[in-house]
PDB file of N, CA and C in Angstrom:
ATOM      1  N   UNK A   1     -29.485  30.124  33.147  1.00  0.00           N
ATOM      2  CA  UNK A   1     -28.579  29.032  33.057  1.00  0.00           C
ATOM      3  C   UNK A   1     -27.284  29.333  33.815  1.00  0.00           C
ATOM      4  N   UNK A   2     -26.738  28.298  34.362  1.00  0.00           N
ATOM      5  CA  UNK A   2     -25.498  28.494  35.120  1.00  0.00           C
ATOM      6  C   UNK A   2     -24.301  28.558  34.158  1.00  0.00           C
ATOM      7  N   UNK A   3     -23.237  29.131  34.650  1.00  0.00           N
ATOM      8  CA  UNK A   3     -22.039  29.256  33.808  1.00  0.00           C
ATOM      9  C   UNK A   3     -21.363  27.938  33.632  1.00  0.00           C
ATOM     10  N   UNK A   4     -21.477  27.001  34.619  1.00  0.00           N
ATOM     11  CA  UNK A   4     -20.852  25.683  34.506  1.00  0.00           C
ATOM     12  C   UNK A   4     -21.401  24.883  33.364  1.00  0.00           C
ATOM     13  N   UNK A   5     -22.667  25.030  33.144  1.00  0.00           N
ATOM     14  CA  UNK A   5     -23.354  24.297  32.009  1.00  0.00           C
ATOM     15  C   UNK A   5     -22.820  24.771  30.700  1.00  0.00           C
ATOM     16  N   UNK A   6     -22.684  26.024  30.516  1.00  0.00           N
ATOM     17  CA  UNK A   6     -22.171  26.563  29.245  1.00  0.00           C
ATOM     18  C   UNK A   6     -20.747  26.130  28.999  1.00  0.00           C
ATOM     19  N   UNK A   7     -19.898  26.161  30.043  1.00  0.00           N
ATOM     20  CA  UNK A   7     -18.510  25.747  29.924  1.00  0.00           C
ATOM     21  C   UNK A   7     -18.374  24.285  29.620  1.00  0.00           C
ATOM     22  N   UNK A   8     -19.153  23.444  30.334  1.00  0.00           N
ATOM     23  CA  UNK A   8     -19.097  22.020  30.142  1.00  0.00           C
ATOM     24  C   UNK A   8     -19.550  21.625  28.778  1.00  0.00           C
ATOM     25  N   UNK A   9     -20.524  22.319  28.218  1.00  0.00           N
ATOM     26  CA  UNK A   9     -21.023  21.952  26.897  1.00  0.00           C
ATOM     27  C   UNK A   9     -20.007  22.332  25.784  1.00  0.00           C
ATOM     28  N   UNK A  10     -19.175  23.297  25.992  1.00  0.00           N
ATOM     29  CA  UNK A  10     -18.239  23.755  24.970  1.00  0.00           C
ATOM     30  C   UNK A  10     -16.880  23.077  25.071  1.00  0.00           C
ATOM     31  N   UNK A  11     -16.704  22.142  25.955  1.00  0.00           N
ATOM     32  CA  UNK A  11     -15.406  21.490  26.167  1.00  0.00           C
ATOM     33  C   UNK A  11     -15.082  20.596  24.983  1.00  0.00           C
ATOM     34  N   UNK A  12     -13.856  20.604  24.575  1.00  0.00           N
ATOM     35  CA  UNK A  12     -13.372  19.752  23.498  1.00  0.00           C
ATOM     36  C   UNK A  12     -12.561  18.609  24.066  1.00  0.00           C
ATOM     37  N   UNK A  13     -12.538  17.491  23.324  1.00  0.00           N
ATOM     38  CA  UNK A  13     -11.731  16.323  23.805  1.00  0.00           C
ATOM     39  C   UNK A  13     -10.342  16.603  23.428  1.00  0.00           C
ATOM     40  N   UNK A  14      -9.406  16.090  24.293  1.00  0.00           N
ATOM     41  CA  UNK A  14      -8.002  16.238  24.043  1.00  0.00           C
ATOM     42  C   UNK A  14      -7.530  15.215  23.029  1.00  0.00           C
ATOM     43  N   UNK A  15      -8.022  13.989  23.185  1.00  0.00           N
ATOM     44  CA  UNK A  15      -7.625  12.933  22.294  1.00  0.00           C
ATOM     45  C   UNK A  15      -8.273  13.069  20.915  1.00  0.00           C
ATOM     46  N   UNK A  16      -7.611  12.734  19.836  1.00  0.00           N
ATOM     47  CA  UNK A  16      -8.179  12.808  18.476  1.00  0.00           C
ATOM     48  C   UNK A  16      -9.222  11.698  18.345  1.00  0.00           C
ATOM     49  N   UNK A  17     -10.018  11.836  17.355  1.00  0.00           N
ATOM     50  CA  UNK A  17     -11.179  10.935  17.130  1.00  0.00           C
ATOM     51  C   UNK A  17     -10.617   9.478  16.724  1.00  0.00           C
ATOM     52  N   UNK A  18      -9.474   9.481  16.046  1.00  0.00           N
ATOM     53  CA  UNK A  18      -8.883   8.208  15.673  1.00  0.00           C
ATOM     54  C   UNK A  18      -8.520   7.309  16.831  1.00  0.00           C
ATOM     55  N   UNK A  19      -7.971   8.005  17.872  1.00  0.00           N
ATOM     56  CA  UNK A  19      -7.576   7.268  19.101  1.00  0.00           C
ATOM     57  C   UNK A  19      -8.830   6.904  19.879  1.00  0.00           C
ATOM     58  N   UNK A  20      -9.782   7.778  19.946  1.00  0.00           N
ATOM     59  CA  UNK A  20     -11.029   7.470  20.695  1.00  0.00           C
ATOM     60  C   UNK A  20     -11.829   6.387  20.096  1.00  0.00           C
ATOM     61  N   UNK A  21     -11.859   6.333  18.823  1.00  0.00           N
ATOM     62  CA  UNK A  21     -12.653   5.295  18.077  1.00  0.00           C
ATOM     63  C   UNK A  21     -11.941   3.985  17.981  1.00  0.00           C
ATOM     64  N   UNK A  22     -10.656   3.967  18.004  1.00  0.00           N
ATOM     65  CA  UNK A  22      -9.891   2.709  17.899  1.00  0.00           C
ATOM     66  C   UNK A  22      -9.501   2.594  16.402  1.00  0.00           C
ATOM     67  N   UNK A  23      -8.379   1.924  16.170  1.00  0.00           N
ATOM     68  CA  UNK A  23      -7.837   1.756  14.778  1.00  0.00           C
ATOM     69  C   UNK A  23      -8.738   0.802  14.034  1.00  0.00           C
ATOM     70  N   UNK A  24      -9.198  -0.250  14.698  1.00  0.00           N
ATOM     71  CA  UNK A  24     -10.045  -1.202  13.917  1.00  0.00           C
ATOM     72  C   UNK A  24     -11.347  -0.644  13.479  1.00  0.00           C
ATOM     73  N   UNK A  25     -11.944   0.239  14.315  1.00  0.00           N
ATOM     74  CA  UNK A  25     -13.200   0.879  13.880  1.00  0.00           C
ATOM     75  C   UNK A  25     -12.978   1.948  12.882  1.00  0.00           C
ATOM     76  N   UNK A  26     -11.855   2.664  12.940  1.00  0.00           N
ATOM     77  CA  UNK A  26     -11.571   3.755  12.036  1.00  0.00           C
ATOM     78  C   UNK A  26     -11.164   3.258  10.643  1.00  0.00           C
ATOM     79  N   UNK A  27     -10.159   2.362  10.636  1.00  0.00           N
ATOM     80  CA  UNK A  27      -9.564   1.859   9.370  1.00  0.00           C
ATOM     81  C   UNK A  27      -9.973   0.464   9.076  1.00  0.00           C
ATOM     82  N   UNK A  28     -11.042  -0.045   9.648  1.00  0.00           N
ATOM     83  CA  UNK A  28     -11.429  -1.394   9.478  1.00  0.00           C
ATOM     84  C   UNK A  28     -11.762  -1.782   8.009  1.00  0.00           C
ATOM     85  N   UNK A  29     -12.552  -0.855   7.408  1.00  0.00           N
ATOM     86  CA  UNK A  29     -13.020  -1.171   6.016  1.00  0.00           C
ATOM     87  C   UNK A  29     -11.859  -1.135   5.042  1.00  0.00           C
ATOM     88  N   UNK A  30     -10.920  -0.245   5.252  1.00  0.00           N
ATOM     89  CA  UNK A  30      -9.715  -0.165   4.347  1.00  0.00           C
ATOM     90  C   UNK A  30      -8.882  -1.404   4.585  1.00  0.00           C
ATOM     91  N   UNK A  31      -8.655  -1.794   5.786  1.00  0.00           N
ATOM     92  CA  UNK A  31      -7.827  -3.002   6.150  1.00  0.00           C
ATOM     93  C   UNK A  31      -8.491  -4.267   5.586  1.00  0.00           C
ATOM     94  N   UNK A  32      -9.820  -4.376   5.679  1.00  0.00           N
ATOM     95  CA  UNK A  32     -10.474  -5.589   5.150  1.00  0.00           C
ATOM     96  C   UNK A  32     -10.426  -5.631   3.709  1.00  0.00           C
ATOM     97  N   UNK A  33     -10.561  -4.442   3.017  1.00  0.00           N
ATOM     98  CA  UNK A  33     -10.342  -4.416   1.569  1.00  0.00           C
ATOM     99  C   UNK A  33      -8.974  -4.873   1.152  1.00  0.00           C
ATOM    100  N   UNK A  34      -7.957  -4.352   1.863  1.00  0.00           N
ATOM    101  CA  UNK A  34      -6.554  -4.811   1.513  1.00  0.00           C
ATOM    102  C   UNK A  34      -6.359  -6.273   1.809  1.00  0.00           C
ATOM    103  N   UNK A  35      -6.950  -6.788   2.880  1.00  0.00           N
ATOM    104  CA  UNK A  35      -6.834  -8.199   3.139  1.00  0.00           C
ATOM    105  C   UNK A  35      -7.412  -9.093   2.092  1.00  0.00           C
ATOM    106  N   UNK A  36      -8.629  -8.675   1.642  1.00  0.00           N
ATOM    107  CA  UNK A  36      -9.253  -9.518   0.583  1.00  0.00           C
ATOM    108  C   UNK A  36      -8.443  -9.327  -0.710  1.00  0.00           C
ATOM    109  N   UNK A  37      -7.902  -8.170  -0.973  1.00  0.00           N
ATOM    110  CA  UNK A  37      -7.080  -7.953  -2.176  1.00  0.00           C
ATOM    111  C   UNK A  37      -5.832  -8.801  -2.169  1.00  0.00           C
ATOM    112  N   UNK A  38      -5.155  -8.868  -1.017  1.00  0.00           N
ATOM    113  CA  UNK A  38      -3.950  -9.661  -0.859  1.00  0.00           C
ATOM    114  C   UNK A  38      -4.290 -11.124  -0.969  1.00  0.00           C
ATOM    115  N   UNK A  39      -5.431 -11.617  -0.416  1.00  0.00           N
ATOM    116  CA  UNK A  39      -5.796 -12.969  -0.488  1.00  0.00           C
ATOM    117  C   UNK A  39      -6.121 -13.360  -1.901  1.00  0.00           C
ATOM    118  N   UNK A  40      -6.791 -12.524  -2.668  1.00  0.00           N
ATOM    119  CA  UNK A  40      -7.103 -12.862  -4.063  1.00  0.00           C
ATOM    120  C   UNK A  40      -5.839 -12.886  -4.889  1.00  0.00           C
ATOM    121  N   UNK A  41      -4.946 -11.884  -4.681  1.00  0.00           N
ATOM    122  CA  UNK A  41      -3.677 -11.817  -5.417  1.00  0.00           C
ATOM    123  C   UNK A  41      -2.817 -13.030  -5.152  1.00  0.00           C
ATOM    124  N   UNK A  42      -2.735 -13.475  -3.849  1.00  0.00           N
ATOM    125  CA  UNK A  42      -1.925 -14.642  -3.515  1.00  0.00           C
ATOM    126  C   UNK A  42      -2.538 -15.922  -4.092  1.00  0.00           C
ATOM    127  N   UNK A  43      -3.845 -16.062  -3.995  1.00  0.00           N
ATOM    128  CA  UNK A  43      -4.421 -17.236  -4.530  1.00  0.00           C
ATOM    129  C   UNK A  43      -4.275 -17.328  -6.076  1.00  0.00           C
ATOM    130  N   UNK A  44      -4.323 -16.186  -6.694  1.00  0.00           N
ATOM    131  CA  UNK A  44      -4.162 -16.140  -8.194  1.00  0.00           C
ATOM    132  C   UNK A  44      -2.724 -16.568  -8.585  1.00  0.00           C
ATOM    133  N   UNK A  45      -1.748 -15.974  -7.876  1.00  0.00           N
ATOM    134  CA  UNK A  45      -0.356 -16.333  -8.148  1.00  0.00           C
ATOM    135  C   UNK A  45      -0.081 -17.789  -7.857  1.00  0.00           C
ATOM    136  N   UNK A  46      -0.609 -18.354  -6.803  1.00  0.00           N
ATOM    137  CA  UNK A  46      -0.414 -19.720  -6.395  1.00  0.00           C
ATOM    138  C   UNK A  46      -1.107 -20.632  -7.340  1.00  0.00           C
ATOM    139  N   UNK A  47      -2.329 -20.286  -7.750  1.00  0.00           N
ATOM    140  CA  UNK A  47      -3.047 -21.106  -8.721  1.00  0.00           C
ATOM    141  C   UNK A  47      -2.363 -21.124 -10.080  1.00  0.00           C
ATOM    142  N   UNK A  48      -1.733 -19.979 -10.499  1.00  0.00           N
ATOM    143  CA  UNK A  48      -1.027 -19.959 -11.745  1.00  0.00           C
ATOM    144  C   UNK A  48       0.195 -20.853 -11.671  1.00  0.00           C
ATOM    145  N   UNK A  49       0.893 -20.823 -10.531  1.00  0.00           N
ATOM    146  CA  UNK A  49       2.010 -21.695 -10.338  1.00  0.00           C
ATOM    147  C   UNK A  49       1.684 -23.191 -10.315  1.00  0.00           C
ATOM    148  N   UNK A  50       0.516 -23.505  -9.799  1.00  0.00           N
ATOM    149  CA  UNK A  50       0.117 -24.916  -9.772  1.00  0.00           C
ATOM    150  C   UNK A  50      -0.416 -25.350 -11.092  1.00  0.00           C
ATOM    151  N   UNK A  51      -0.961 -24.417 -11.884  1.00  0.00           N
ATOM    152  CA  UNK A  51      -1.437 -24.767 -13.236  1.00  0.00           C
ATOM    153  C   UNK A  51      -0.330 -25.056 -14.215  1.00  0.00           C
ATOM    154  N   UNK A  52       0.706 -24.189 -14.089  1.00  0.00           N
ATOM    155  CA  UNK A  52       1.869 -24.307 -15.020  1.00  0.00           C
ATOM    156  C   UNK A  52       3.127 -24.523 -14.160  1.00  0.00           C
ATOM    157  N   UNK A  53       3.346 -25.749 -13.637  1.00  0.00           N
ATOM    158  CA  UNK A  53       4.438 -25.977 -12.688  1.00  0.00           C
ATOM    159  C   UNK A  53       5.861 -25.873 -13.381  1.00  0.00           C
ATOM    160  N   UNK A  54       5.965 -26.141 -14.663  1.00  0.00           N
ATOM    161  CA  UNK A  54       7.274 -25.983 -15.317  1.00  0.00           C
ATOM    162  C   UNK A  54       7.663 -24.575 -15.537  1.00  0.00           C
ATOM    163  N   UNK A  55       6.688 -23.677 -15.817  1.00  0.00           N
ATOM    164  CA  UNK A  55       7.015 -22.275 -16.008  1.00  0.00           C
ATOM    165  C   UNK A  55       7.041 -21.442 -14.780  1.00  0.00           C
ATOM    166  N   UNK A  56       6.673 -22.034 -13.645  1.00  0.00           N
ATOM    167  CA  UNK A  56       6.595 -21.293 -12.421  1.00  0.00           C
ATOM    168  C   UNK A  56       7.974 -20.821 -11.926  1.00  0.00           C
ATOM    169  N   UNK A  57       8.064 -19.638 -11.477  1.00  0.00           N
ATOM    170  CA  UNK A  57       9.268 -19.096 -10.863  1.00  0.00           C
ATOM    171  C   UNK A  57       9.193 -19.136  -9.386  1.00  0.00           C
ATOM    172  N   UNK A  58      10.321 -19.225  -8.743  1.00  0.00           N
ATOM    173  CA  UNK A  58      10.317 -19.245  -7.263  1.00  0.00           C
ATOM    174  C   UNK A  58       9.858 -17.966  -6.678  1.00  0.00           C
ATOM    175  N   UNK A  59      10.132 -16.847  -7.363  1.00  0.00           N
ATOM    176  CA  UNK A  59       9.710 -15.500  -6.886  1.00  0.00           C
ATOM    177  C   UNK A  59       8.199 -15.388  -6.838  1.00  0.00           C
ATOM    178  N   UNK A  60       7.453 -15.966  -7.795  1.00  0.00           N
ATOM    179  CA  UNK A  60       6.036 -15.882  -7.916  1.00  0.00           C
ATOM    180  C   UNK A  60       5.459 -16.686  -6.751  1.00  0.00           C
ATOM    181  N   UNK A  61       6.030 -17.827  -6.405  1.00  0.00           N
ATOM    182  CA  UNK A  61       5.476 -18.651  -5.301  1.00  0.00           C
ATOM    183  C   UNK A  61       5.794 -17.932  -3.962  1.00  0.00           C
ATOM    184  N   UNK A  62       6.920 -17.365  -3.815  1.00  0.00           N
ATOM    185  CA  UNK A  62       7.231 -16.587  -2.580  1.00  0.00           C
ATOM    186  C   UNK A  62       6.313 -15.323  -2.492  1.00  0.00           C
ATOM    187  N   UNK A  63       6.108 -14.656  -3.595  1.00  0.00           N
ATOM    188  CA  UNK A  63       5.164 -13.506  -3.530  1.00  0.00           C
ATOM    189  C   UNK A  63       3.785 -13.998  -3.162  1.00  0.00           C
ATOM    190  N   UNK A  64       3.307 -15.107  -3.644  1.00  0.00           N
ATOM    191  CA  UNK A  64       1.987 -15.565  -3.287  1.00  0.00           C
ATOM    192  C   UNK A  64       1.936 -15.951  -1.811  1.00  0.00           C
ATOM    193  N   UNK A  65       2.947 -16.590  -1.351  1.00  0.00           N
ATOM    194  CA  UNK A  65       2.943 -16.908   0.094  1.00  0.00           C
ATOM    195  C   UNK A  65       3.004 -15.656   0.968  1.00  0.00           C
ATOM    196  N   UNK A  66       3.804 -14.651   0.616  1.00  0.00           N
ATOM    197  CA  UNK A  66       3.881 -13.417   1.303  1.00  0.00           C
ATOM    198  C   UNK A  66       2.557 -12.717   1.317  1.00  0.00           C
ATOM    199  N   UNK A  67       1.895 -12.690   0.155  1.00  0.00           N
ATOM    200  CA  UNK A  67       0.556 -11.980   0.040  1.00  0.00           C
ATOM    201  C   UNK A  67      -0.461 -12.684   0.864  1.00  0.00           C
ATOM    202  N   UNK A  68      -0.527 -13.975   0.939  1.00  0.00           N
ATOM    203  CA  UNK A  68      -1.517 -14.698   1.696  1.00  0.00           C
ATOM    204  C   UNK A  68      -1.176 -14.526   3.185  1.00  0.00           C
ATOM    205  N   UNK A  69       0.097 -14.417   3.549  1.00  0.00           N
ATOM    206  CA  UNK A  69       0.466 -14.205   4.903  1.00  0.00           C
ATOM    207  C   UNK A  69       0.038 -12.816   5.409  1.00  0.00           C
ATOM    208  N   UNK A  70       0.246 -11.848   4.559  1.00  0.00           N
ATOM    209  CA  UNK A  70      -0.187 -10.472   4.892  1.00  0.00           C
ATOM    210  C   UNK A  70      -1.720 -10.389   5.076  1.00  0.00           C
ATOM    211  N   UNK A  71      -2.432 -11.076   4.238  1.00  0.00           N
ATOM    212  CA  UNK A  71      -3.882 -11.121   4.366  1.00  0.00           C
ATOM    213  C   UNK A  71      -4.329 -11.759   5.717  1.00  0.00           C
ATOM    214  N   UNK A  72      -3.657 -12.843   6.060  1.00  0.00           N
ATOM    215  CA  UNK A  72      -3.964 -13.529   7.361  1.00  0.00           C
ATOM    216  C   UNK A  72      -3.701 -12.662   8.524  1.00  0.00           C
ATOM    217  N   UNK A  73      -2.553 -11.943   8.500  1.00  0.00           N
ATOM    218  CA  UNK A  73      -2.192 -11.024   9.652  1.00  0.00           C
ATOM    219  C   UNK A  73      -3.186  -9.874   9.686  1.00  0.00           C
ATOM    220  N   UNK A  74      -3.568  -9.313   8.626  1.00  0.00           N
ATOM    221  CA  UNK A  74      -4.537  -8.184   8.662  1.00  0.00           C
ATOM    222  C   UNK A  74      -5.917  -8.714   9.129  1.00  0.00           C
ATOM    223  N   UNK A  75      -6.328  -9.846   8.715  1.00  0.00           N
ATOM    224  CA  UNK A  75      -7.607 -10.358   9.208  1.00  0.00           C
ATOM    225  C   UNK A  75      -7.557 -10.754  10.658  1.00  0.00           C
ATOM    226  N   UNK A  76      -6.421 -11.224  11.166  1.00  0.00           N
ATOM    227  CA  UNK A  76      -6.317 -11.584  12.643  1.00  0.00           C
ATOM    228  C   UNK A  76      -6.404 -10.311  13.444  1.00  0.00           C
ATOM    229  N   UNK A  77      -5.747  -9.256  13.051  1.00  0.00           N
ATOM    230  CA  UNK A  77      -5.802  -7.997  13.844  1.00  0.00           C
ATOM    231  C   UNK A  77      -7.183  -7.320  13.800  1.00  0.00           C
ATOM    232  N   UNK A  78      -7.866  -7.566  12.660  1.00  0.00           N
ATOM    233  CA  UNK A  78      -9.233  -6.999  12.630  1.00  0.00           C
ATOM    234  C   UNK A  78     -10.195  -7.756  13.448  1.00  0.00           C
ATOM    235  N   UNK A  79     -10.039  -9.107  13.527  1.00  0.00           N
ATOM    236  CA  UNK A  79     -11.066  -9.949  14.136  1.00  0.00           C
ATOM    237  C   UNK A  79     -10.714 -10.374  15.598  1.00  0.00           C
ATOM    238  N   UNK A  80      -9.526 -10.122  16.039  1.00  0.00           N
ATOM    239  CA  UNK A  80      -9.202 -10.585  17.410  1.00  0.00           C
ATOM    240  C   UNK A  80      -9.969  -9.805  18.462  1.00  0.00           C
ATOM    241  N   UNK A  81     -10.355 -10.469  19.548  1.00  0.00           N
ATOM    242  CA  UNK A  81     -11.059  -9.824  20.618  1.00  0.00           C
ATOM    243  C   UNK A  81     -10.102  -9.014  21.450  1.00  0.00           C
ATOM    244  N   UNK A  82     -10.614  -7.868  21.903  1.00  0.00           N
ATOM    245  CA  UNK A  82      -9.819  -6.979  22.724  1.00  0.00           C
ATOM    246  C   UNK A  82      -9.894  -7.333  24.161  1.00  0.00           C
ATOM    247  N   UNK A  83      -8.873  -7.799  24.741  1.00  0.00           N
ATOM    248  CA  UNK A  83      -8.917  -8.246  26.189  1.00  0.00           C
ATOM    249  C   UNK A  83      -8.557  -7.035  27.058  1.00  0.00           C
ATOM    250  N   UNK A  84      -9.168  -6.986  28.210  1.00  0.00           N
ATOM    251  CA  UNK A  84      -8.785  -5.952  29.166  1.00  0.00           C
ATOM    252  C   UNK A  84      -9.491  -4.626  28.954  1.00  0.00           C
ATOM    253  N   UNK A  85     -10.235  -4.479  27.845  1.00  0.00           N
ATOM    254  CA  UNK A  85     -10.906  -3.237  27.645  1.00  0.00           C
ATOM    255  C   UNK A  85     -12.268  -3.215  28.346  1.00  0.00           C
ATOM    256  N   UNK A  86     -12.582  -2.125  28.935  1.00  0.00           N
ATOM    257  CA  UNK A  86     -13.875  -1.956  29.590  1.00  0.00           C
ATOM    258  C   UNK A  86     -14.937  -1.745  28.539  1.00  0.00           C
ATOM    259  N   UNK A  87     -16.122  -2.146  28.770  1.00  0.00           N
ATOM    260  CA  UNK A  87     -17.231  -1.788  27.805  1.00  0.00           C
ATOM    261  C   UNK A  87     -17.397  -0.304  27.713  1.00  0.00           C
ATOM    262  N   UNK A  88     -17.903   0.100  26.592  1.00  0.00           N
ATOM    263  CA  UNK A  88     -18.040   1.594  26.296  1.00  0.00           C
ATOM    264  C   UNK A  88     -19.060   2.223  27.306  1.00  0.00           C
ATOM    265  N   UNK A  89     -19.972   1.494  27.811  1.00  0.00           N
ATOM    266  CA  UNK A  89     -21.018   2.121  28.648  1.00  0.00           C
ATOM    267  C   UNK A  89     -20.451   2.506  30.003  1.00  0.00           C
ATOM    268  N   UNK A  90     -19.416   1.806  30.500  1.00  0.00           N
ATOM    269  CA  UNK A  90     -18.898   2.099  31.766  1.00  0.00           C
ATOM    270  C   UNK A  90     -17.746   3.064  31.782  1.00  0.00           C
ATOM    271  N   UNK A  91     -17.303   3.532  30.610  1.00  0.00           N
ATOM    272  CA  UNK A  91     -16.192   4.442  30.475  1.00  0.00           C
ATOM    273  C   UNK A  91     -16.458   5.833  31.014  1.00  0.00           C
ATOM    274  N   UNK A  92     -17.712   6.330  30.747  1.00  0.00           N
ATOM    275  CA  UNK A  92     -18.004   7.677  31.058  1.00  0.00           C
ATOM    276  C   UNK A  92     -19.018   7.712  32.210  1.00  0.00           C
ATOM    277  N   UNK A  93     -18.783   8.650  33.162  1.00  0.00           N
ATOM    278  CA  UNK A  93     -19.672   8.816  34.244  1.00  0.00           C
ATOM    279  C   UNK A  93     -20.749   9.867  33.878  1.00  0.00           C
ATOM    280  N   UNK A  94     -21.904   9.666  34.455  1.00  0.00           N
ATOM    281  CA  UNK A  94     -22.938  10.592  34.219  1.00  0.00           C
ATOM    282  C   UNK A  94     -22.718  11.926  35.039  1.00  0.00           C
ATOM    283  N   UNK A  95     -22.960  13.046  34.415  1.00  0.00           N
ATOM    284  CA  UNK A  95     -22.857  14.289  35.192  1.00  0.00           C
ATOM    285  C   UNK A  95     -24.227  14.574  35.863  1.00  0.00           C
ATOM    286  N   UNK A  96     -24.169  14.638  37.126  1.00  0.00           N
ATOM    287  CA  UNK A  96     -25.373  14.898  37.874  1.00  0.00           C
ATOM    288  C   UNK A  96     -25.384  16.283  38.476  1.00  0.00           C
TER     289      UNK A  96
END
């Protein structure tokens, strides 16, 4: 075996796995869980305010709106298409 083959096989990547994989792929399941949690919490608070309008506080309605907004922002960043990125198959060149 040639020495180049052994050195090339033992090379480590400089970038961490989080950066190489992308934030959406790495933390996507955690962010989607938080988005669903915020959406459920906001709808519960808003439904309670609509069910009992005389007892509803302004802070509860604002917290519900803030929670639903956070869920929408998280879902947008998880589902938006990445423009300008090259496909994964063309990023690496074959070693011949």
